[in-house]
Structure formats: structure tokens, C-alpha cells
Amino acid sequence: MNRFLFTIISLCCTMLLFSQQESNDVRRGNKQYNDSNYTEAEVNYRRGLEKNNQSFEGHFNLGDALFRQEKYPEALEQYAEAEKLLKADESKRKEQLDSRLAATYHNMGNALYAQQQYDKAVGAYQQSLRLNPKDHDTRYNLVKAMQQLQQQQNQQQNQDQQQEQQNDSTQQQQQQEQQ
């Protein structure tokens, strides 16, 4: 019985120690991030995630550090992992969950916007606003993404029309040459 109890206590202490080490790495990463040392922040967040791969903060903050380094695809992966962790964690209060999930979708939208994937960015911002309708930053980003998407679609339409006109002109020239 004493051995069993000792084993349980040892396991609990070990888990607590790993949790604290992960927290220290994330805190160091936060300090580096706040000092605009995004590469060093990335290293610390990754260290923390090695100790606790189930850390929302680790994945979310790593996504932010990667985004600042313009590593947008990697940032999206981290935000997606943070999203997965939040959705799986049903013990969180709904309001807190929605707020964090809204921030995750907001940041996913930013990463997609930076890659000029405006249609997907619009979707991410809309998801964020469903969860946090009072977020003015997300609303602003949504409007910008919609404007960019419209501009992108207009440019594509103009290019298509110009190509069609060139094709028509070429066909007319060929017909005249044949006559």
C-alpha cells in the first residue's frame, strides 16, 4: 500500500514539474515575443511544447511567433492545433472557450490574408465573429479581406475579358488572312 501511494505521489509530482517547466518556457517565449525576438520566442515555445504538446498557449503563441516571422503555413498549423485542443477540452467554460477560439480564427484569418487567400480569410474572420460579435478588429479585418477579395475577382474578370478580346482579335486576323 505504501509503495502504491508513493508511486502515485511521485507521478503527480513529475507531472507538476513538467507542467511548470513548460510554463517557464512559454513565459520565456512570451518575454522574447514582447521584445520582438520572434525567432527566440519560437525556440522557447517549441521547448515548452516538447514538454507538454497539449498546451493551447504553447501552440497559439508559437503560431503568433511564426506569423511575425512570415512563416504563414506553419503559423496556420499551430493555430489549427490550438483550435483542436480547445474543441477537445470540454471542461473549459463556454465563454472562455469561445473567446479563445474566436482569437484563433482571427489569427488564422490574418495568416490567410497575408498569403492573399482572401476567400479563406473571409471565412475565418466570419467564424471569429460568430463566436465574438463585439470584436471590432475582426470586423475591420473582415471588411478589408472582402474588399481585397472583390478587387482580386475584378482583376481576374478583367484579365479574362482581355484574353477573350485577344482571342477574338486573333481569330479575326486569321480569317482575314485566309480570305
Foldseek 3Di string as FASTA:
>chain_A
DVVVVVVVVVVVVVLVVLLVQLVVLQVVLVVCVVVVVLVSSLVSLVVSCVSPVLDLSSLQSNLVSCVSVLVLVSSLVSLVSSLVSLVPPPVDDLLVSLQVNLVSLQSNLVSCVVVVVLVSSLVSLVSSCVSPVVDPVSVVSNVVSVVSVVVVVVVVVVVVVVVVVVVVVVVVVVVVVVD
